[in-house]
């Protein structure tokens, strides 16, 4: 059985299909005697007759019918394995595993994926949402090829980091709030507000905390939660106000969105990968195309 190979399986399947050694030989571009020897060799390896000869025809035995069904699956799996291996070294048909923040997945990333896939439809993406810490940890562990987080991670020397865009943060208040009719506001307008902020001290929460500290304001944090859709829902319920990246997780008439004019708050979103690991060709191609569109220079001091 150790000498059974793909060539023997393909020969067996073709003979079973046409039920004739000569016609099978024509399809396989081989001599009839060669095809006959391969069938005999395969039957010897399997240990049971796979075909019965009826005049000039050759038909599967019961054992042969069962064998051919499995043999077809094996060849299909082998073909898929070869294609997958080839795709791993092909920029235009490989796979890219991306970790990203929730706000990136709401609109920005889907738009870039659609744009990229129009040019490279053979590339496959695995997308996984997480916190900044989860994305960075996944990059270091090798679970992700690329990560999109903000602000730029610090104390991660193993990561290659490139700015790709700025995500503007606005104030979000309940529709009936005292600030709801204004065109914009300043951070001091929130000095006495009950605030609903992300729990994580990295990412968006760090940008917001740094902005309050720079203005000498001690925020009144009433609720914390890392799911920004839930944060928005708490604001809609009138339980407080928040600061969220735009666009909102969900369009809503139950909140008012006010741009911040003093100080304007934004976080620089960055594309990262582990410089200690070789990027798969498809991931490198996607990263190159994203960086060609980058509209913000990397300046760590400008994130807030």
C-alpha atoms as a PDB file:
ATOM      1  CA  UNK A   1       0.000   0.000   0.000  1.00  0.00           C
ATOM      2  CA  UNK A   2       2.956   2.333   0.565  1.00  0.00           C
ATOM      3  CA  UNK A   3       3.579   2.444  -3.199  1.00  0.00           C
ATOM      4  CA  UNK A   4       0.137   3.808  -4.116  1.00  0.00           C
ATOM      5  CA  UNK A   5       0.560   7.261  -5.641  1.00  0.00           C
ATOM      6  CA  UNK A   6      -1.519   9.935  -7.341  1.00  0.00           C
ATOM      7  CA  UNK A   7      -0.685   8.596 -10.803  1.00  0.00           C
ATOM      8  CA  UNK A   8      -2.112   5.172  -9.971  1.00  0.00           C
ATOM      9  CA  UNK A   9      -5.237   6.742  -8.484  1.00  0.00           C
ATOM     10  CA  UNK A  10      -5.815   8.963 -11.531  1.00  0.00           C
ATOM     11  CA  UNK A  11      -5.403   5.954 -13.830  1.00  0.00           C
ATOM     12  CA  UNK A  12      -7.879   3.921 -11.800  1.00  0.00           C
ATOM     13  CA  UNK A  13     -10.470   6.717 -11.806  1.00  0.00           C
ATOM     14  CA  UNK A  14     -10.200   7.254 -15.558  1.00  0.00           C
ATOM     15  CA  UNK A  15     -10.510   3.534 -16.348  1.00  0.00           C
ATOM     16  CA  UNK A  16     -13.556   3.376 -14.062  1.00  0.00           C
ATOM     17  CA  UNK A  17     -15.066   6.367 -15.859  1.00  0.00           C
ATOM     18  CA  UNK A  18     -14.759   5.077 -19.447  1.00  0.00           C
ATOM     19  CA  UNK A  19     -14.825   1.345 -18.621  1.00  0.00           C
ATOM     20  CA  UNK A  20     -12.280   0.620 -21.328  1.00  0.00           C
ATOM     21  CA  UNK A  21      -8.494   0.329 -21.156  1.00  0.00           C
ATOM     22  CA  UNK A  22      -7.874   1.642 -24.682  1.00  0.00           C
ATOM     23  CA  UNK A  23     -10.068   4.732 -24.319  1.00  0.00           C
ATOM     24  CA  UNK A  24      -8.585   5.427 -20.889  1.00  0.00           C
ATOM     25  CA  UNK A  25      -5.099   5.193 -22.409  1.00  0.00           C
ATOM     26  CA  UNK A  26      -6.048   7.767 -25.044  1.00  0.00           C
ATOM     27  CA  UNK A  27      -7.286  10.200 -22.387  1.00  0.00           C
ATOM     28  CA  UNK A  28      -4.193   9.637 -20.239  1.00  0.00           C
ATOM     29  CA  UNK A  29      -1.833   9.866 -23.257  1.00  0.00           C
ATOM     30  CA  UNK A  30      -0.341   6.489 -22.406  1.00  0.00           C
ATOM     31  CA  UNK A  31      -0.038   3.048 -23.989  1.00  0.00           C
ATOM     32  CA  UNK A  32      -2.815   0.596 -23.223  1.00  0.00           C
ATOM     33  CA  UNK A  33      -0.261  -1.840 -21.855  1.00  0.00           C
ATOM     34  CA  UNK A  34       1.015   0.833 -19.452  1.00  0.00           C
ATOM     35  CA  UNK A  35      -2.489   1.520 -18.202  1.00  0.00           C
ATOM     36  CA  UNK A  36      -3.106  -2.206 -17.743  1.00  0.00           C
ATOM     37  CA  UNK A  37       0.128  -2.609 -15.745  1.00  0.00           C
ATOM     38  CA  UNK A  38      -0.806   0.314 -13.500  1.00  0.00           C
ATOM     39  CA  UNK A  39      -4.217  -1.187 -12.746  1.00  0.00           C
ATOM     40  CA  UNK A  40      -2.607  -4.559 -11.970  1.00  0.00           C
ATOM     41  CA  UNK A  41      -0.054  -2.860  -9.715  1.00  0.00           C
ATOM     42  CA  UNK A  42      -2.761  -0.938  -7.897  1.00  0.00           C
ATOM     43  CA  UNK A  43      -4.829  -4.087  -7.318  1.00  0.00           C
ATOM     44  CA  UNK A  44      -1.717  -5.790  -5.971  1.00  0.00           C
ATOM     45  CA  UNK A  45      -1.117  -2.944  -3.544  1.00  0.00           C
ATOM     46  CA  UNK A  46      -4.762  -2.844  -2.405  1.00  0.00           C
ATOM     47  CA  UNK A  47      -4.914  -6.605  -2.114  1.00  0.00           C
ATOM     48  CA  UNK A  48      -8.316  -7.133  -3.775  1.00  0.00           C
ATOM     49  CA  UNK A  49      -9.590  -7.024  -7.395  1.00  0.00           C
ATOM     50  CA  UNK A  50     -10.861  -3.569  -8.283  1.00  0.00           C
ATOM     51  CA  UNK A  51     -12.030  -4.397 -11.820  1.00  0.00           C
ATOM     52  CA  UNK A  52     -13.608  -7.297 -13.636  1.00  0.00           C
ATOM     53  CA  UNK A  53     -13.056  -7.854 -17.362  1.00  0.00           C
ATOM     54  CA  UNK A  54     -16.186  -8.390 -19.453  1.00  0.00           C
ATOM     55  CA  UNK A  55     -15.212  -8.871 -23.089  1.00  0.00           C
ATOM     56  CA  UNK A  56     -13.437  -5.679 -24.174  1.00  0.00           C
ATOM     57  CA  UNK A  57     -14.963  -3.725 -21.317  1.00  0.00           C
ATOM     58  CA  UNK A  58     -13.645  -3.400 -17.786  1.00  0.00           C
ATOM     59  CA  UNK A  59     -15.937  -2.595 -14.874  1.00  0.00           C
ATOM     60  CA  UNK A  60     -15.504  -1.917 -11.200  1.00  0.00           C
ATOM     61  CA  UNK A  61     -16.094  -4.641  -8.676  1.00  0.00           C
ATOM     62  CA  UNK A  62     -18.038  -3.814  -5.522  1.00  0.00           C
ATOM     63  CA  UNK A  63     -14.720  -3.252  -3.759  1.00  0.00           C
ATOM     64  CA  UNK A  64     -13.580  -1.130  -6.700  1.00  0.00           C
ATOM     65  CA  UNK A  65     -16.641   1.134  -6.487  1.00  0.00           C
ATOM     66  CA  UNK A  66     -15.948   1.815  -2.832  1.00  0.00           C
ATOM     67  CA  UNK A  67     -12.255   2.377  -3.531  1.00  0.00           C
ATOM     68  CA  UNK A  68     -12.801   4.797  -6.423  1.00  0.00           C
ATOM     69  CA  UNK A  69     -15.141   6.991  -4.352  1.00  0.00           C
ATOM     70  CA  UNK A  70     -12.464   7.437  -1.683  1.00  0.00           C
ATOM     71  CA  UNK A  71      -9.685   7.773  -4.263  1.00  0.00           C
ATOM     72  CA  UNK A  72     -11.516  10.706  -5.879  1.00  0.00           C
ATOM     73  CA  UNK A  73     -11.735  12.470  -2.537  1.00  0.00           C
ATOM     74  CA  UNK A  74      -8.034  11.878  -1.902  1.00  0.00           C
ATOM     75  CA  UNK A  75      -7.090  13.413  -5.253  1.00  0.00           C
ATOM     76  CA  UNK A  76      -9.365  16.405  -4.601  1.00  0.00           C
ATOM     77  CA  UNK A  77      -7.763  16.922  -1.182  1.00  0.00           C
ATOM     78  CA  UNK A  78      -4.310  16.631  -2.722  1.00  0.00           C
ATOM     79  CA  UNK A  79      -5.196  19.186  -5.393  1.00  0.00           C
ATOM     80  CA  UNK A  80      -6.499  21.564  -2.731  1.00  0.00           C
ATOM     81  CA  UNK A  81      -3.331  21.074  -0.671  1.00  0.00           C
ATOM     82  CA  UNK A  82      -1.131  21.888  -3.657  1.00  0.00           C
ATOM     83  CA  UNK A  83      -3.208  24.967  -4.498  1.00  0.00           C
ATOM     84  CA  UNK A  84      -3.061  26.118  -0.880  1.00  0.00           C
ATOM     85  CA  UNK A  85       0.722  25.699  -0.758  1.00  0.00           C
ATOM     86  CA  UNK A  86       1.109  27.599  -4.018  1.00  0.00           C
ATOM     87  CA  UNK A  87      -1.184  30.337  -2.715  1.00  0.00           C
ATOM     88  CA  UNK A  88       1.025  30.776   0.331  1.00  0.00           C
ATOM     89  CA  UNK A  89       3.818  32.011  -1.916  1.00  0.00           C
ATOM     90  CA  UNK A  90       1.596  33.887  -4.351  1.00  0.00           C
ATOM     91  CA  UNK A  91       0.824  37.526  -3.659  1.00  0.00           C
ATOM     92  CA  UNK A  92      -2.344  37.430  -5.731  1.00  0.00           C
ATOM     93  CA  UNK A  93      -3.925  34.244  -4.415  1.00  0.00           C
ATOM     94  CA  UNK A  94      -2.699  33.935  -0.841  1.00  0.00           C
ATOM     95  CA  UNK A  95      -4.357  34.464   2.520  1.00  0.00           C
ATOM     96  CA  UNK A  96      -4.114  37.468   4.864  1.00  0.00           C
ATOM     97  CA  UNK A  97      -5.038  37.300   8.565  1.00  0.00           C
ATOM     98  CA  UNK A  98      -5.863  40.785   9.903  1.00  0.00           C
ATOM     99  CA  UNK A  99      -6.542  41.853  13.497  1.00  0.00           C
ATOM    100  CA  UNK A 100      -8.221  45.227  13.973  1.00  0.00           C
ATOM    101  CA  UNK A 101     -10.130  47.523  16.293  1.00  0.00           C
ATOM    102  CA  UNK A 102     -13.934  47.649  16.198  1.00  0.00           C
ATOM    103  CA  UNK A 103     -14.080  51.190  14.830  1.00  0.00           C
ATOM    104  CA  UNK A 104     -11.838  50.227  11.920  1.00  0.00           C
ATOM    105  CA  UNK A 105     -14.176  47.366  11.044  1.00  0.00           C
ATOM    106  CA  UNK A 106     -17.279  49.563  10.944  1.00  0.00           C
ATOM    107  CA  UNK A 107     -16.473  51.270   7.646  1.00  0.00           C
ATOM    108  CA  UNK A 108     -12.814  51.986   6.948  1.00  0.00           C
ATOM    109  CA  UNK A 109     -11.587  48.388   6.595  1.00  0.00           C
ATOM    110  CA  UNK A 110     -14.537  47.060   4.537  1.00  0.00           C
ATOM    111  CA  UNK A 111     -14.085  49.917   2.057  1.00  0.00           C
ATOM    112  CA  UNK A 112     -10.354  49.148   1.679  1.00  0.00           C
ATOM    113  CA  UNK A 113     -10.982  45.430   1.322  1.00  0.00           C
ATOM    114  CA  UNK A 114     -13.525  46.036  -1.446  1.00  0.00           C
ATOM    115  CA  UNK A 115     -11.069  48.336  -3.216  1.00  0.00           C
ATOM    116  CA  UNK A 116      -8.199  45.845  -2.901  1.00  0.00           C
ATOM    117  CA  UNK A 117     -10.229  42.811  -3.941  1.00  0.00           C
ATOM    118  CA  UNK A 118     -11.355  44.480  -7.135  1.00  0.00           C
ATOM    119  CA  UNK A 119      -7.715  44.382  -8.225  1.00  0.00           C
ATOM    120  CA  UNK A 120      -6.760  41.084  -6.532  1.00  0.00           C
ATOM    121  CA  UNK A 121      -9.890  38.909  -6.306  1.00  0.00           C
ATOM    122  CA  UNK A 122      -7.894  35.758  -5.569  1.00  0.00           C
ATOM    123  CA  UNK A 123      -6.681  36.936  -2.148  1.00  0.00           C
ATOM    124  CA  UNK A 124      -8.533  35.569   0.888  1.00  0.00           C
ATOM    125  CA  UNK A 125      -8.900  37.454   4.169  1.00  0.00           C
ATOM    126  CA  UNK A 126      -9.426  36.223   7.715  1.00  0.00           C
ATOM    127  CA  UNK A 127     -10.679  39.145   9.817  1.00  0.00           C
ATOM    128  CA  UNK A 128     -10.636  39.222  13.609  1.00  0.00           C
ATOM    129  CA  UNK A 129     -11.797  42.109  15.773  1.00  0.00           C
ATOM    130  CA  UNK A 130     -10.198  42.751  19.155  1.00  0.00           C
ATOM    131  CA  UNK A 131      -8.906  45.315  21.613  1.00  0.00           C
ATOM    132  CA  UNK A 132      -5.592  47.023  20.949  1.00  0.00           C
ATOM    133  CA  UNK A 133      -3.897  44.689  23.444  1.00  0.00           C
ATOM    134  CA  UNK A 134      -5.410  41.626  21.760  1.00  0.00           C
ATOM    135  CA  UNK A 135      -4.350  42.734  18.297  1.00  0.00           C
ATOM    136  CA  UNK A 136      -0.806  43.551  19.402  1.00  0.00           C
ATOM    137  CA  UNK A 137      -0.556  40.275  21.308  1.00  0.00           C
ATOM    138  CA  UNK A 138      -1.765  38.406  18.233  1.00  0.00           C
ATOM    139  CA  UNK A 139       0.882  40.045  16.075  1.00  0.00           C
ATOM    140  CA  UNK A 140       3.659  39.155  18.494  1.00  0.00           C
ATOM    141  CA  UNK A 141       2.401  35.569  18.824  1.00  0.00           C
ATOM    142  CA  UNK A 142       2.141  35.171  15.054  1.00  0.00           C
ATOM    143  CA  UNK A 143      -1.660  34.780  15.020  1.00  0.00           C
ATOM    144  CA  UNK A 144      -2.103  37.828  12.754  1.00  0.00           C
ATOM    145  CA  UNK A 145      -0.167  38.849   9.666  1.00  0.00           C
ATOM    146  CA  UNK A 146      -1.249  42.486   9.979  1.00  0.00           C
ATOM    147  CA  UNK A 147      -2.825  44.574  12.718  1.00  0.00           C
ATOM    148  CA  UNK A 148      -4.623  47.927  12.663  1.00  0.00           C
ATOM    149  CA  UNK A 149      -4.673  49.785  15.992  1.00  0.00           C
ATOM    150  CA  UNK A 150      -4.492  53.283  17.389  1.00  0.00           C
ATOM    151  CA  UNK A 151      -2.794  55.161  18.862  1.00  0.00           C
ATOM    152  CA  UNK A 152       0.630  53.751  17.889  1.00  0.00           C
ATOM    153  CA  UNK A 153       1.707  51.040  20.345  1.00  0.00           C
ATOM    154  CA  UNK A 154       4.693  51.724  22.546  1.00  0.00           C
ATOM    155  CA  UNK A 155       7.197  49.291  24.045  1.00  0.00           C
ATOM    156  CA  UNK A 156       6.756  46.851  21.179  1.00  0.00           C
ATOM    157  CA  UNK A 157      10.173  46.759  19.460  1.00  0.00           C
ATOM    158  CA  UNK A 158       9.213  43.645  17.512  1.00  0.00           C
ATOM    159  CA  UNK A 159       6.559  45.557  15.566  1.00  0.00           C
ATOM    160  CA  UNK A 160       6.937  47.499  12.343  1.00  0.00           C
ATOM    161  CA  UNK A 161       4.557  50.483  12.646  1.00  0.00           C
ATOM    162  CA  UNK A 162       3.213  52.783   9.911  1.00  0.00           C
ATOM    163  CA  UNK A 163       0.553  55.487  10.196  1.00  0.00           C
ATOM    164  CA  UNK A 164      -2.330  55.081   7.749  1.00  0.00           C
ATOM    165  CA  UNK A 165      -5.042  57.575   8.763  1.00  0.00           C
ATOM    166  CA  UNK A 166      -6.369  59.812  11.531  1.00  0.00           C
ATOM    167  CA  UNK A 167      -9.589  58.904  13.305  1.00  0.00           C
ATOM    168  CA  UNK A 168     -11.449  61.998  14.526  1.00  0.00           C
ATOM    169  CA  UNK A 169     -13.129  61.809  17.954  1.00  0.00           C
ATOM    170  CA  UNK A 170     -16.373  63.717  18.644  1.00  0.00           C
ATOM    171  CA  UNK A 171     -18.616  64.297  21.650  1.00  0.00           C
ATOM    172  CA  UNK A 172     -21.818  62.243  21.684  1.00  0.00           C
ATOM    173  CA  UNK A 173     -24.707  63.309  23.947  1.00  0.00           C
ATOM    174  CA  UNK A 174     -28.356  62.220  24.323  1.00  0.00           C
ATOM    175  CA  UNK A 175     -30.722  63.912  21.876  1.00  0.00           C
ATOM    176  CA  UNK A 176     -32.336  66.046  24.624  1.00  0.00           C
ATOM    177  CA  UNK A 177     -29.046  67.125  26.192  1.00  0.00           C
ATOM    178  CA  UNK A 178     -28.286  70.777  26.914  1.00  0.00           C
ATOM    179  CA  UNK A 179     -25.451  70.696  24.364  1.00  0.00           C
ATOM    180  CA  UNK A 180     -27.481  68.956  21.650  1.00  0.00           C
ATOM    181  CA  UNK A 181     -28.380  72.146  19.776  1.00  0.00           C
ATOM    182  CA  UNK A 182     -24.824  73.430  19.499  1.00  0.00           C
ATOM    183  CA  UNK A 183     -22.700  73.175  16.354  1.00  0.00           C
ATOM    184  CA  UNK A 184     -19.615  72.177  18.339  1.00  0.00           C
ATOM    185  CA  UNK A 185     -18.255  72.181  21.874  1.00  0.00           C
ATOM    186  CA  UNK A 186     -15.065  72.337  23.897  1.00  0.00           C
ATOM    187  CA  UNK A 187     -13.756  69.712  26.286  1.00  0.00           C
ATOM    188  CA  UNK A 188     -14.491  71.950  29.291  1.00  0.00           C
ATOM    189  CA  UNK A 189     -18.203  71.599  28.436  1.00  0.00           C
ATOM    190  CA  UNK A 190     -17.869  68.030  29.698  1.00  0.00           C
ATOM    191  CA  UNK A 191     -16.178  68.899  32.982  1.00  0.00           C
ATOM    192  CA  UNK A 192     -19.260  68.076  35.076  1.00  0.00           C
ATOM    193  CA  UNK A 193     -20.846  65.530  32.757  1.00  0.00           C
ATOM    194  CA  UNK A 194     -21.426  61.887  33.633  1.00  0.00           C
ATOM    195  CA  UNK A 195     -19.189  60.173  31.095  1.00  0.00           C
ATOM    196  CA  UNK A 196     -19.338  56.713  29.553  1.00  0.00           C
ATOM    197  CA  UNK A 197     -15.860  55.710  28.369  1.00  0.00           C
ATOM    198  CA  UNK A 198     -14.016  52.612  27.194  1.00  0.00           C
ATOM    199  CA  UNK A 199     -12.663  50.527  30.046  1.00  0.00           C
ATOM    200  CA  UNK A 200      -9.370  49.645  28.400  1.00  0.00           C
ATOM    201  CA  UNK A 201      -6.540  52.021  29.300  1.00  0.00           C
ATOM    202  CA  UNK A 202      -5.010  51.624  25.865  1.00  0.00           C
ATOM    203  CA  UNK A 203      -6.309  52.735  22.503  1.00  0.00           C
ATOM    204  CA  UNK A 204      -9.146  55.247  22.530  1.00  0.00           C
ATOM    205  CA  UNK A 205      -9.290  55.573  26.322  1.00  0.00           C
ATOM    206  CA  UNK A 206      -5.649  56.628  26.475  1.00  0.00           C
ATOM    207  CA  UNK A 207      -6.230  59.338  23.859  1.00  0.00           C
ATOM    208  CA  UNK A 208      -9.281  60.645  25.763  1.00  0.00           C
ATOM    209  CA  UNK A 209      -7.589  60.525  29.187  1.00  0.00           C
ATOM    210  CA  UNK A 210      -4.538  62.348  27.814  1.00  0.00           C
ATOM    211  CA  UNK A 211      -6.771  65.078  26.362  1.00  0.00           C
ATOM    212  CA  UNK A 212      -8.575  65.629  29.685  1.00  0.00           C
ATOM    213  CA  UNK A 213      -5.264  65.684  31.560  1.00  0.00           C
ATOM    214  CA  UNK A 214      -3.821  68.265  29.158  1.00  0.00           C
ATOM    215  CA  UNK A 215      -6.828  70.521  29.886  1.00  0.00           C
ATOM    216  CA  UNK A 216      -6.546  70.010  33.644  1.00  0.00           C
ATOM    217  CA  UNK A 217      -9.965  68.314  33.829  1.00  0.00           C
ATOM    218  CA  UNK A 218     -10.768  65.331  36.042  1.00  0.00           C
ATOM    219  CA  UNK A 219     -13.431  63.397  34.084  1.00  0.00           C
ATOM    220  CA  UNK A 220     -16.497  62.088  35.924  1.00  0.00           C
ATOM    221  CA  UNK A 221     -16.616  58.521  34.634  1.00  0.00           C
ATOM    222  CA  UNK A 222     -19.987  56.955  35.432  1.00  0.00           C
ATOM    223  CA  UNK A 223     -19.788  53.827  33.256  1.00  0.00           C
ATOM    224  CA  UNK A 224     -17.070  51.929  31.423  1.00  0.00           C
ATOM    225  CA  UNK A 225     -17.301  49.409  28.599  1.00  0.00           C
ATOM    226  CA  UNK A 226     -15.112  48.331  25.688  1.00  0.00           C
ATOM    227  CA  UNK A 227     -17.955  47.566  23.259  1.00  0.00           C
ATOM    228  CA  UNK A 228     -18.512  50.948  21.594  1.00  0.00           C
ATOM    229  CA  UNK A 229     -21.981  49.939  20.390  1.00  0.00           C
ATOM    230  CA  UNK A 230     -22.968  49.394  24.036  1.00  0.00           C
ATOM    231  CA  UNK A 231     -21.366  52.716  24.990  1.00  0.00           C
ATOM    232  CA  UNK A 232     -23.514  54.411  22.365  1.00  0.00           C
ATOM    233  CA  UNK A 233     -26.586  52.555  23.638  1.00  0.00           C
ATOM    234  CA  UNK A 234     -25.991  53.867  27.167  1.00  0.00           C
ATOM    235  CA  UNK A 235     -25.835  57.405  25.792  1.00  0.00           C
ATOM    236  CA  UNK A 236     -29.090  56.829  23.867  1.00  0.00           C
ATOM    237  CA  UNK A 237     -30.681  55.724  27.153  1.00  0.00           C
ATOM    238  CA  UNK A 238     -29.711  59.068  28.714  1.00  0.00           C
ATOM    239  CA  UNK A 239     -27.195  57.617  31.170  1.00  0.00           C
ATOM    240  CA  UNK A 240     -24.386  59.964  30.218  1.00  0.00           C
ATOM    241  CA  UNK A 241     -22.264  61.368  27.402  1.00  0.00           C
ATOM    242  CA  UNK A 242     -19.193  60.017  25.671  1.00  0.00           C
ATOM    243  CA  UNK A 243     -16.434  60.643  23.153  1.00  0.00           C
ATOM    244  CA  UNK A 244     -16.361  58.303  20.177  1.00  0.00           C
ATOM    245  CA  UNK A 245     -14.481  58.014  16.901  1.00  0.00           C
ATOM    246  CA  UNK A 246     -16.500  58.900  13.851  1.00  0.00           C
ATOM    247  CA  UNK A 247     -18.558  57.464  12.282  1.00  0.00           C
ATOM    248  CA  UNK A 248     -20.763  56.168  15.100  1.00  0.00           C
ATOM    249  CA  UNK A 249     -20.995  52.392  15.533  1.00  0.00           C
ATOM    250  CA  UNK A 250     -24.672  52.670  14.484  1.00  0.00           C
ATOM    251  CA  UNK A 251     -26.588  55.609  12.931  1.00  0.00           C
ATOM    252  CA  UNK A 252     -28.998  57.029  15.503  1.00  0.00           C
ATOM    253  CA  UNK A 253     -31.510  59.862  15.927  1.00  0.00           C
ATOM    254  CA  UNK A 254     -31.374  59.427  19.705  1.00  0.00           C
ATOM    255  CA  UNK A 255     -27.983  61.112  20.079  1.00  0.00           C
ATOM    256  CA  UNK A 256     -26.374  64.342  18.956  1.00  0.00           C
ATOM    257  CA  UNK A 257     -22.805  64.410  17.652  1.00  0.00           C
ATOM    258  CA  UNK A 258     -20.751  67.537  18.335  1.00  0.00           C
ATOM    259  CA  UNK A 259     -17.299  68.133  16.843  1.00  0.00           C
ATOM    260  CA  UNK A 260     -14.679  69.179  19.388  1.00  0.00           C
ATOM    261  CA  UNK A 261     -13.140  72.520  18.519  1.00  0.00           C
ATOM    262  CA  UNK A 262     -10.918  72.871  21.594  1.00  0.00           C
ATOM    263  CA  UNK A 263      -8.925  70.769  21.732  1.00  0.00           C
ATOM    264  CA  UNK A 264      -9.570  68.725  18.610  1.00  0.00           C
ATOM    265  CA  UNK A 265      -9.006  65.057  19.458  1.00  0.00           C
ATOM    266  CA  UNK A 266      -7.944  62.403  16.999  1.00  0.00           C
ATOM    267  CA  UNK A 267      -5.966  59.223  17.170  1.00  0.00           C
ATOM    268  CA  UNK A 268      -3.451  58.100  14.617  1.00  0.00           C
ATOM    269  CA  UNK A 269      -4.347  54.649  13.351  1.00  0.00           C
ATOM    270  CA  UNK A 270      -1.401  52.501  12.370  1.00  0.00           C
ATOM    271  CA  UNK A 271      -0.723  49.379  10.373  1.00  0.00           C
ATOM    272  CA  UNK A 272       1.584  46.960  12.208  1.00  0.00           C
ATOM    273  CA  UNK A 273       3.291  43.676  11.587  1.00  0.00           C
ATOM    274  CA  UNK A 274       5.903  41.586  13.341  1.00  0.00           C
ATOM    275  CA  UNK A 275       9.271  42.464  11.837  1.00  0.00           C
ATOM    276  CA  UNK A 276      10.712  39.234  13.210  1.00  0.00           C
ATOM    277  CA  UNK A 277       8.426  37.158  10.990  1.00  0.00           C
ATOM    278  CA  UNK A 278       8.362  37.088   7.202  1.00  0.00           C
ATOM    279  CA  UNK A 279       5.131  38.546   5.870  1.00  0.00           C
ATOM    280  CA  UNK A 280       3.296  36.241   3.454  1.00  0.00           C
ATOM    281  CA  UNK A 281       3.367  37.741  -0.063  1.00  0.00           C
ATOM    282  CA  UNK A 282      -0.370  38.511  -0.097  1.00  0.00           C
ATOM    283  CA  UNK A 283      -0.121  40.293   3.266  1.00  0.00           C
ATOM    284  CA  UNK A 284       2.863  42.307   2.049  1.00  0.00           C
ATOM    285  CA  UNK A 285       0.939  43.279  -1.089  1.00  0.00           C
ATOM    286  CA  UNK A 286      -2.076  44.419   0.966  1.00  0.00           C
ATOM    287  CA  UNK A 287       0.167  46.370   3.345  1.00  0.00           C
ATOM    288  CA  UNK A 288       1.932  48.058   0.427  1.00  0.00           C
ATOM    289  CA  UNK A 289      -1.365  49.130  -1.129  1.00  0.00           C
ATOM    290  CA  UNK A 290      -2.673  50.500   2.196  1.00  0.00           C
ATOM    291  CA  UNK A 291       0.499  52.472   2.814  1.00  0.00           C
ATOM    292  CA  UNK A 292       0.316  53.981  -0.672  1.00  0.00           C
ATOM    293  CA  UNK A 293      -3.034  55.460   0.391  1.00  0.00           C
ATOM    294  CA  UNK A 294      -1.849  56.643   3.816  1.00  0.00           C
ATOM    295  CA  UNK A 295      -2.817  60.261   4.338  1.00  0.00           C
ATOM    296  CA  UNK A 296      -1.098  61.081   7.610  1.00  0.00           C
ATOM    297  CA  UNK A 297       2.606  61.149   8.480  1.00  0.00           C
ATOM    298  CA  UNK A 298       3.608  59.156  11.528  1.00  0.00           C
ATOM    299  CA  UNK A 299       4.032  61.607  14.402  1.00  0.00           C
ATOM    300  CA  UNK A 300       3.465  60.085  17.821  1.00  0.00           C
ATOM    301  CA  UNK A 301       3.060  63.464  19.479  1.00  0.00           C
ATOM    302  CA  UNK A 302       0.109  64.340  17.198  1.00  0.00           C
ATOM    303  CA  UNK A 303      -2.236  61.573  18.312  1.00  0.00           C
ATOM    304  CA  UNK A 304      -4.207  63.769  20.703  1.00  0.00           C
END
